Amino acid sequence: MTTQQTSPSALQTVLALLAMLIGSAVLAIAVAYVALENMPCRWFGSAFEGGCGFGALGASAGVALIVFVIAFGCAARLYFRR
């Protein structure tokens, strides 16, 4: 006896994608915040005229973008692979 797999409905797929987007965004924000709080100013030059702050903010935004893309891509791949 074989079991037949049913494909998820369109609503289930949309809700799963929405959950993946929200989860990836929360993870990216958390990682960016931790990175922003822990990166030393010496990585971005001197603290004169806000150079450290702008450098750290840009780096944490870049980290957030990378984490979001990777997390969403992995979650979507796992969801649609089943």
PDB file of N, CA and C in Angstrom:
ATOM      1  N   MET A   1       0.845  -1.166   0.000  1.00  0.00           N
ATOM      2  CA  MET A   1       0.000   0.000   0.000  1.00  0.00           C
ATOM      3  C   MET A   1       0.896   1.238   0.000  1.00  0.00           C
ATOM      4  N   THR A   2       0.678   2.097  -0.928  1.00  0.00           N
ATOM      5  CA  THR A   2       1.457   3.333  -0.996  1.00  0.00           C
ATOM      6  C   THR A   2       0.611   4.488  -0.488  1.00  0.00           C
ATOM      7  N   THR A   3       1.282   5.392   0.149  1.00  0.00           N
ATOM      8  CA  THR A   3       0.570   6.584   0.620  1.00  0.00           C
ATOM      9  C   THR A   3       0.767   7.697  -0.385  1.00  0.00           C
ATOM     10  N   GLN A   4      -0.269   8.427  -0.583  1.00  0.00           N
ATOM     11  CA  GLN A   4      -0.220   9.512  -1.555  1.00  0.00           C
ATOM     12  C   GLN A   4      -0.031  10.832  -0.817  1.00  0.00           C
ATOM     13  N   GLN A   5       0.977  11.590  -1.224  1.00  0.00           N
ATOM     14  CA  GLN A   5       1.216  12.888  -0.607  1.00  0.00           C
ATOM     15  C   GLN A   5       0.364  13.933  -1.303  1.00  0.00           C
ATOM     16  N   THR A   6      -0.257  14.755  -0.498  1.00  0.00           N
ATOM     17  CA  THR A   6      -1.026  15.849  -1.076  1.00  0.00           C
ATOM     18  C   THR A   6      -0.187  17.111  -1.025  1.00  0.00           C
ATOM     19  N   SER A   7      -0.289  17.886  -2.055  1.00  0.00           N
ATOM     20  CA  SER A   7       0.464  19.135  -2.076  1.00  0.00           C
ATOM     21  C   SER A   7      -0.261  20.165  -1.218  1.00  0.00           C
ATOM     22  N   PRO A   8       0.498  21.072  -0.599  1.00  0.00           N
ATOM     23  CA  PRO A   8      -0.139  22.084   0.241  1.00  0.00           C
ATOM     24  C   PRO A   8      -0.976  23.044  -0.606  1.00  0.00           C
ATOM     25  N   SER A   9      -2.019  23.553   0.014  1.00  0.00           N
ATOM     26  CA  SER A   9      -2.877  24.490  -0.705  1.00  0.00           C
ATOM     27  C   SER A   9      -2.150  25.814  -0.898  1.00  0.00           C
ATOM     28  N   ALA A  10      -2.712  26.659  -1.724  1.00  0.00           N
ATOM     29  CA  ALA A  10      -2.097  27.962  -1.990  1.00  0.00           C
ATOM     30  C   ALA A  10      -2.043  28.804  -0.724  1.00  0.00           C
ATOM     31  N   LEU A  11      -3.082  28.722   0.099  1.00  0.00           N
ATOM     32  CA  LEU A  11      -3.104  29.488   1.345  1.00  0.00           C
ATOM     33  C   LEU A  11      -2.017  29.010   2.295  1.00  0.00           C
ATOM     34  N   GLN A  12      -1.831  27.696   2.391  1.00  0.00           N
ATOM     35  CA  GLN A  12      -0.772  27.163   3.244  1.00  0.00           C
ATOM     36  C   GLN A  12       0.598  27.608   2.756  1.00  0.00           C
ATOM     37  N   THR A  13       0.792  27.623   1.461  1.00  0.00           N
ATOM     38  CA  THR A  13       2.069  28.051   0.905  1.00  0.00           C
ATOM     39  C   THR A  13       2.324  29.525   1.179  1.00  0.00           C
ATOM     40  N   VAL A  14       1.312  30.356   1.006  1.00  0.00           N
ATOM     41  CA  VAL A  14       1.464  31.791   1.270  1.00  0.00           C
ATOM     42  C   VAL A  14       1.758  32.031   2.746  1.00  0.00           C
ATOM     43  N   LEU A  15       1.042  31.340   3.625  1.00  0.00           N
ATOM     44  CA  LEU A  15       1.285  31.495   5.057  1.00  0.00           C
ATOM     45  C   LEU A  15       2.677  31.003   5.448  1.00  0.00           C
ATOM     46  N   ALA A  16       3.130  29.919   4.830  1.00  0.00           N
ATOM     47  CA  ALA A  16       4.471  29.422   5.116  1.00  0.00           C
ATOM     48  C   ALA A  16       5.530  30.420   4.646  1.00  0.00           C
ATOM     49  N   LEU A  17       5.342  30.999   3.461  1.00  0.00           N
ATOM     50  CA  LEU A  17       6.287  32.004   2.972  1.00  0.00           C
ATOM     51  C   LEU A  17       6.294  33.240   3.858  1.00  0.00           C
ATOM     52  N   LEU A  18       5.123  33.639   4.326  1.00  0.00           N
ATOM     53  CA  LEU A  18       5.033  34.782   5.235  1.00  0.00           C
ATOM     54  C   LEU A  18       5.750  34.488   6.550  1.00  0.00           C
ATOM     55  N   ALA A  19       5.571  33.291   7.067  1.00  0.00           N
ATOM     56  CA  ALA A  19       6.271  32.903   8.293  1.00  0.00           C
ATOM     57  C   ALA A  19       7.781  32.876   8.076  1.00  0.00           C
ATOM     58  N   MET A  20       8.211  32.399   6.913  1.00  0.00           N
ATOM     59  CA  MET A  20       9.645  32.388   6.601  1.00  0.00           C
ATOM     60  C   MET A  20      10.201  33.802   6.521  1.00  0.00           C
ATOM     61  N   LEU A  21       9.465  34.708   5.888  1.00  0.00           N
ATOM     62  CA  LEU A  21       9.901  36.103   5.793  1.00  0.00           C
ATOM     63  C   LEU A  21      10.031  36.740   7.170  1.00  0.00           C
ATOM     64  N   ILE A  22       9.028  36.549   8.004  1.00  0.00           N
ATOM     65  CA  ILE A  22       9.058  37.145   9.340  1.00  0.00           C
ATOM     66  C   ILE A  22      10.168  36.528  10.180  1.00  0.00           C
ATOM     67  N   GLY A  23      10.295  35.224  10.139  1.00  0.00           N
ATOM     68  CA  GLY A  23      11.356  34.559  10.902  1.00  0.00           C
ATOM     69  C   GLY A  23      12.741  34.977  10.452  1.00  0.00           C
ATOM     70  N   SER A  24      12.942  35.072   9.156  1.00  0.00           N
ATOM     71  CA  SER A  24      14.241  35.500   8.630  1.00  0.00           C
ATOM     72  C   SER A  24      14.543  36.939   9.012  1.00  0.00           C
ATOM     73  N   ALA A  25      13.527  37.795   8.975  1.00  0.00           N
ATOM     74  CA  ALA A  25      13.726  39.199   9.347  1.00  0.00           C
ATOM     75  C   ALA A  25      14.069  39.341  10.823  1.00  0.00           C
ATOM     76  N   VAL A  26      13.384  38.596  11.675  1.00  0.00           N
ATOM     77  CA  VAL A  26      13.678  38.656  13.114  1.00  0.00           C
ATOM     78  C   VAL A  26      15.093  38.167  13.388  1.00  0.00           C
ATOM     79  N   LEU A  27      15.487  37.074  12.750  1.00  0.00           N
ATOM     80  CA  LEU A  27      16.847  36.566  12.921  1.00  0.00           C
ATOM     81  C   LEU A  27      17.874  37.578  12.432  1.00  0.00           C
ATOM     82  N   ALA A  28      17.634  38.183  11.281  1.00  0.00           N
ATOM     83  CA  ALA A  28      18.571  39.163  10.725  1.00  0.00           C
ATOM     84  C   ALA A  28      18.693  40.384  11.628  1.00  0.00           C
ATOM     85  N   ILE A  29      17.581  40.855  12.170  1.00  0.00           N
ATOM     86  CA  ILE A  29      17.620  42.014  13.069  1.00  0.00           C
ATOM     87  C   ILE A  29      18.388  41.678  14.336  1.00  0.00           C
ATOM     88  N   ALA A  30      18.169  40.493  14.881  1.00  0.00           N
ATOM     89  CA  ALA A  30      18.876  40.096  16.100  1.00  0.00           C
ATOM     90  C   ALA A  30      20.379  39.994  15.863  1.00  0.00           C
ATOM     91  N   VAL A  31      20.777  39.383  14.759  1.00  0.00           N
ATOM     92  CA  VAL A  31      22.205  39.255  14.452  1.00  0.00           C
ATOM     93  C   VAL A  31      22.828  40.623  14.204  1.00  0.00           C
ATOM     94  N   ALA A  32      22.128  41.500  13.496  1.00  0.00           N
ATOM     95  CA  ALA A  32      22.654  42.843  13.232  1.00  0.00           C
ATOM     96  C   ALA A  32      22.804  43.638  14.520  1.00  0.00           C
ATOM     97  N   TYR A  33      21.860  43.509  15.429  1.00  0.00           N
ATOM     98  CA  TYR A  33      21.946  44.228  16.702  1.00  0.00           C
ATOM     99  C   TYR A  33      23.143  43.744  17.516  1.00  0.00           C
ATOM    100  N   VAL A  34      23.320  42.436  17.591  1.00  0.00           N
ATOM    101  CA  VAL A  34      24.467  41.888  18.323  1.00  0.00           C
ATOM    102  C   VAL A  34      25.768  42.340  17.675  1.00  0.00           C
ATOM    103  N   ALA A  35      25.818  42.329  16.355  1.00  0.00           N
ATOM    104  CA  ALA A  35      27.025  42.784  15.658  1.00  0.00           C
ATOM    105  C   ALA A  35      27.280  44.264  15.919  1.00  0.00           C
ATOM    106  N   LEU A  36      26.239  45.073  15.883  1.00  0.00           N
ATOM    107  CA  LEU A  36      26.386  46.511  16.101  1.00  0.00           C
ATOM    108  C   LEU A  36      26.878  46.810  17.509  1.00  0.00           C
ATOM    109  N   GLU A  37      26.404  46.068  18.481  1.00  0.00           N
ATOM    110  CA  GLU A  37      26.796  46.304  19.868  1.00  0.00           C
ATOM    111  C   GLU A  37      28.203  45.799  20.182  1.00  0.00           C
ATOM    112  N   ASN A  38      28.705  44.845  19.419  1.00  0.00           N
ATOM    113  CA  ASN A  38      29.967  44.197  19.775  1.00  0.00           C
ATOM    114  C   ASN A  38      31.145  44.526  18.872  1.00  0.00           C
ATOM    115  N   MET A  39      30.934  45.207  17.758  1.00  0.00           N
ATOM    116  CA  MET A  39      32.051  45.533  16.871  1.00  0.00           C
ATOM    117  C   MET A  39      32.851  46.699  17.450  1.00  0.00           C
ATOM    118  N   PRO A  40      34.170  46.535  17.574  1.00  0.00           N
ATOM    119  CA  PRO A  40      34.971  47.643  18.112  1.00  0.00           C
ATOM    120  C   PRO A  40      35.194  48.739  17.071  1.00  0.00           C
ATOM    121  N   CYS A  41      35.380  49.965  17.562  1.00  0.00           N
ATOM    122  CA  CYS A  41      35.577  51.112  16.668  1.00  0.00           C
ATOM    123  C   CYS A  41      36.871  51.009  15.865  1.00  0.00           C
ATOM    124  N   ARG A  42      37.833  50.299  16.380  1.00  0.00           N
ATOM    125  CA  ARG A  42      39.118  50.234  15.665  1.00  0.00           C
ATOM    126  C   ARG A  42      38.982  49.534  14.308  1.00  0.00           C
ATOM    127  N   TRP A  43      37.916  48.781  14.113  1.00  0.00           N
ATOM    128  CA  TRP A  43      37.681  48.147  12.823  1.00  0.00           C
ATOM    129  C   TRP A  43      37.309  49.166  11.758  1.00  0.00           C
ATOM    130  N   PHE A  44      36.862  50.343  12.154  1.00  0.00           N
ATOM    131  CA  PHE A  44      36.355  51.333  11.212  1.00  0.00           C
ATOM    132  C   PHE A  44      37.143  52.630  11.235  1.00  0.00           C
ATOM    133  N   GLY A  45      38.329  52.616  11.754  1.00  0.00           N
ATOM    134  CA  GLY A  45      39.121  53.837  11.838  1.00  0.00           C
ATOM    135  C   GLY A  45      38.819  54.582  13.120  1.00  0.00           C
ATOM    136  N   SER A  46      39.069  55.855  13.119  1.00  0.00           N
ATOM    137  CA  SER A  46      38.889  56.638  14.340  1.00  0.00           C
ATOM    138  C   SER A  46      37.418  56.948  14.573  1.00  0.00           C
ATOM    139  N   ALA A  47      37.129  57.377  15.780  1.00  0.00           N
ATOM    140  CA  ALA A  47      35.766  57.753  16.136  1.00  0.00           C
ATOM    141  C   ALA A  47      35.495  59.218  15.804  1.00  0.00           C
ATOM    142  N   PHE A  48      36.418  59.889  15.124  1.00  0.00           N
ATOM    143  CA  PHE A  48      36.283  61.305  14.806  1.00  0.00           C
ATOM    144  C   PHE A  48      35.145  61.522  13.822  1.00  0.00           C
ATOM    145  N   GLU A  49      34.295  62.492  14.095  1.00  0.00           N
ATOM    146  CA  GLU A  49      33.182  62.896  13.220  1.00  0.00           C
ATOM    147  C   GLU A  49      32.235  61.743  12.890  1.00  0.00           C
ATOM    148  N   GLY A  50      32.074  60.802  13.784  1.00  0.00           N
ATOM    149  CA  GLY A  50      31.096  59.732  13.594  1.00  0.00           C
ATOM    150  C   GLY A  50      31.514  58.650  12.624  1.00  0.00           C
ATOM    151  N   GLY A  51      32.778  58.597  12.254  1.00  0.00           N
ATOM    152  CA  GLY A  51      33.233  57.573  11.316  1.00  0.00           C
ATOM    153  C   GLY A  51      32.997  56.171  11.836  1.00  0.00           C
ATOM    154  N   CYS A  52      33.201  55.994  13.126  1.00  0.00           N
ATOM    155  CA  CYS A  52      32.985  54.679  13.724  1.00  0.00           C
ATOM    156  C   CYS A  52      31.508  54.299  13.660  1.00  0.00           C
ATOM    157  N   GLY A  53      30.643  55.220  14.012  1.00  0.00           N
ATOM    158  CA  GLY A  53      29.209  54.924  14.034  1.00  0.00           C
ATOM    159  C   GLY A  53      28.652  54.597  12.664  1.00  0.00           C
ATOM    160  N   PHE A  54      29.036  55.388  11.664  1.00  0.00           N
ATOM    161  CA  PHE A  54      28.536  55.117  10.313  1.00  0.00           C
ATOM    162  C   PHE A  54      29.108  53.816   9.758  1.00  0.00           C
ATOM    163  N   GLY A  55      30.369  53.550  10.049  1.00  0.00           N
ATOM    164  CA  GLY A  55      30.973  52.298   9.592  1.00  0.00           C
ATOM    165  C   GLY A  55      30.326  51.088  10.237  1.00  0.00           C
ATOM    166  N   ALA A  56      30.104  51.166  11.545  1.00  0.00           N
ATOM    167  CA  ALA A  56      29.474  50.052  12.251  1.00  0.00           C
ATOM    168  C   ALA A  56      28.030  49.858  11.798  1.00  0.00           C
ATOM    169  N   LEU A  57      27.323  50.948  11.571  1.00  0.00           N
ATOM    170  CA  LEU A  57      25.937  50.855  11.109  1.00  0.00           C
ATOM    171  C   LEU A  57      25.871  50.223   9.717  1.00  0.00           C
ATOM    172  N   GLY A  58      26.763  50.639   8.833  1.00  0.00           N
ATOM    173  CA  GLY A  58      26.796  50.051   7.494  1.00  0.00           C
ATOM    174  C   GLY A  58      27.158  48.579   7.520  1.00  0.00           C
ATOM    175  N   ALA A  59      28.121  48.226   8.368  1.00  0.00           N
ATOM    176  CA  ALA A  59      28.520  46.821   8.466  1.00  0.00           C
ATOM    177  C   ALA A  59      27.393  45.964   9.026  1.00  0.00           C
ATOM    178  N   SER A  60      26.700  46.460  10.039  1.00  0.00           N
ATOM    179  CA  SER A  60      25.604  45.668  10.603  1.00  0.00           C
ATOM    180  C   SER A  60      24.434  45.566   9.623  1.00  0.00           C
ATOM    181  N   ALA A  61      24.202  46.593   8.821  1.00  0.00           N
ATOM    182  CA  ALA A  61      23.159  46.510   7.790  1.00  0.00           C
ATOM    183  C   ALA A  61      23.533  45.471   6.735  1.00  0.00           C
ATOM    184  N   GLY A  62      24.805  45.428   6.373  1.00  0.00           N
ATOM    185  CA  GLY A  62      25.264  44.418   5.425  1.00  0.00           C
ATOM    186  C   GLY A  62      25.130  43.011   5.976  1.00  0.00           C
ATOM    187  N   VAL A  63      25.479  42.849   7.251  1.00  0.00           N
ATOM    188  CA  VAL A  63      25.335  41.547   7.903  1.00  0.00           C
ATOM    189  C   VAL A  63      23.867  41.137   7.929  1.00  0.00           C
ATOM    190  N   ALA A  64      22.985  42.083   8.250  1.00  0.00           N
ATOM    191  CA  ALA A  64      21.550  41.778   8.302  1.00  0.00           C
ATOM    192  C   ALA A  64      21.033  41.327   6.939  1.00  0.00           C
ATOM    193  N   LEU A  65      21.455  41.991   5.887  1.00  0.00           N
ATOM    194  CA  LEU A  65      21.014  41.619   4.543  1.00  0.00           C
ATOM    195  C   LEU A  65      21.487  40.218   4.172  1.00  0.00           C
ATOM    196  N   ILE A  66      22.740  39.933   4.459  1.00  0.00           N
ATOM    197  CA  ILE A  66      23.290  38.610   4.137  1.00  0.00           C
ATOM    198  C   ILE A  66      22.581  37.520   4.930  1.00  0.00           C
ATOM    199  N   VAL A  67      22.386  37.749   6.235  1.00  0.00           N
ATOM    200  CA  VAL A  67      21.712  36.757   7.078  1.00  0.00           C
ATOM    201  C   VAL A  67      20.274  36.549   6.616  1.00  0.00           C
ATOM    202  N   PHE A  68      19.577  37.622   6.258  1.00  0.00           N
ATOM    203  CA  PHE A  68      18.192  37.504   5.802  1.00  0.00           C
ATOM    204  C   PHE A  68      18.102  36.665   4.532  1.00  0.00           C
ATOM    205  N   VAL A  69      18.950  36.946   3.571  1.00  0.00           N
ATOM    206  CA  VAL A  69      18.905  36.211   2.297  1.00  0.00           C
ATOM    207  C   VAL A  69      19.221  34.736   2.508  1.00  0.00           C
ATOM    208  N   ILE A  70      20.240  34.445   3.309  1.00  0.00           N
ATOM    209  CA  ILE A  70      20.617  33.049   3.547  1.00  0.00           C
ATOM    210  C   ILE A  70      19.524  32.320   4.327  1.00  0.00           C
ATOM    211  N   ALA A  71      18.997  32.948   5.378  1.00  0.00           N
ATOM    212  CA  ALA A  71      17.969  32.291   6.194  1.00  0.00           C
ATOM    213  C   ALA A  71      16.698  32.043   5.393  1.00  0.00           C
ATOM    214  N   PHE A  72      16.256  33.038   4.623  1.00  0.00           N
ATOM    215  CA  PHE A  72      15.043  32.854   3.827  1.00  0.00           C
ATOM    216  C   PHE A  72      15.266  31.814   2.734  1.00  0.00           C
ATOM    217  N   GLY A  73      16.414  31.858   2.092  1.00  0.00           N
ATOM    218  CA  GLY A  73      16.707  30.877   1.049  1.00  0.00           C
ATOM    219  C   GLY A  73      16.738  29.453   1.574  1.00  0.00           C
ATOM    220  N   CYS A  74      17.356  29.256   2.728  1.00  0.00           N
ATOM    221  CA  CYS A  74      17.408  27.916   3.321  1.00  0.00           C
ATOM    222  C   CYS A  74      16.023  27.444   3.747  1.00  0.00           C
ATOM    223  N   ALA A  75      15.245  28.328   4.359  1.00  0.00           N
ATOM    224  CA  ALA A  75      13.897  27.948   4.796  1.00  0.00           C
ATOM    225  C   ALA A  75      13.010  27.612   3.600  1.00  0.00           C
ATOM    226  N   ALA A  76      13.079  28.406   2.562  1.00  0.00           N
ATOM    227  CA  ALA A  76      12.267  28.143   1.372  1.00  0.00           C
ATOM    228  C   ALA A  76      12.697  26.846   0.692  1.00  0.00           C
ATOM    229  N   ARG A  77      13.983  26.616   0.647  1.00  0.00           N
ATOM    230  CA  ARG A  77      14.477  25.385   0.025  1.00  0.00           C
ATOM    231  C   ARG A  77      13.999  24.160   0.802  1.00  0.00           C
ATOM    232  N   LEU A  78      14.065  24.232   2.130  1.00  0.00           N
ATOM    233  CA  LEU A  78      13.592  23.111   2.936  1.00  0.00           C
ATOM    234  C   LEU A  78      12.086  22.911   2.790  1.00  0.00           C
ATOM    235  N   TYR A  79      11.343  23.995   2.710  1.00  0.00           N
ATOM    236  CA  TYR A  79       9.883  23.888   2.593  1.00  0.00           C
ATOM    237  C   TYR A  79       9.473  23.289   1.249  1.00  0.00           C
ATOM    238  N   PHE A  80      10.047  23.774   0.178  1.00  0.00           N
ATOM    239  CA  PHE A  80       9.623  23.319  -1.144  1.00  0.00           C
ATOM    240  C   PHE A  80      10.276  22.009  -1.558  1.00  0.00           C
ATOM    241  N   ARG A  81      11.240  21.544  -0.803  1.00  0.00           N
ATOM    242  CA  ARG A  81      11.895  20.286  -1.116  1.00  0.00           C
ATOM    243  C   ARG A  81      11.033  19.098  -0.692  1.00  0.00           C
ATOM    244  N   ARG A  82      10.188  19.278   0.287  1.00  0.00           N
ATOM    245  CA  ARG A  82       9.410  18.156   0.833  1.00  0.00           C
ATOM    246  C   ARG A  82       8.335  17.667  -0.085  1.00  0.00           C
TER     247      ARG A  82
END
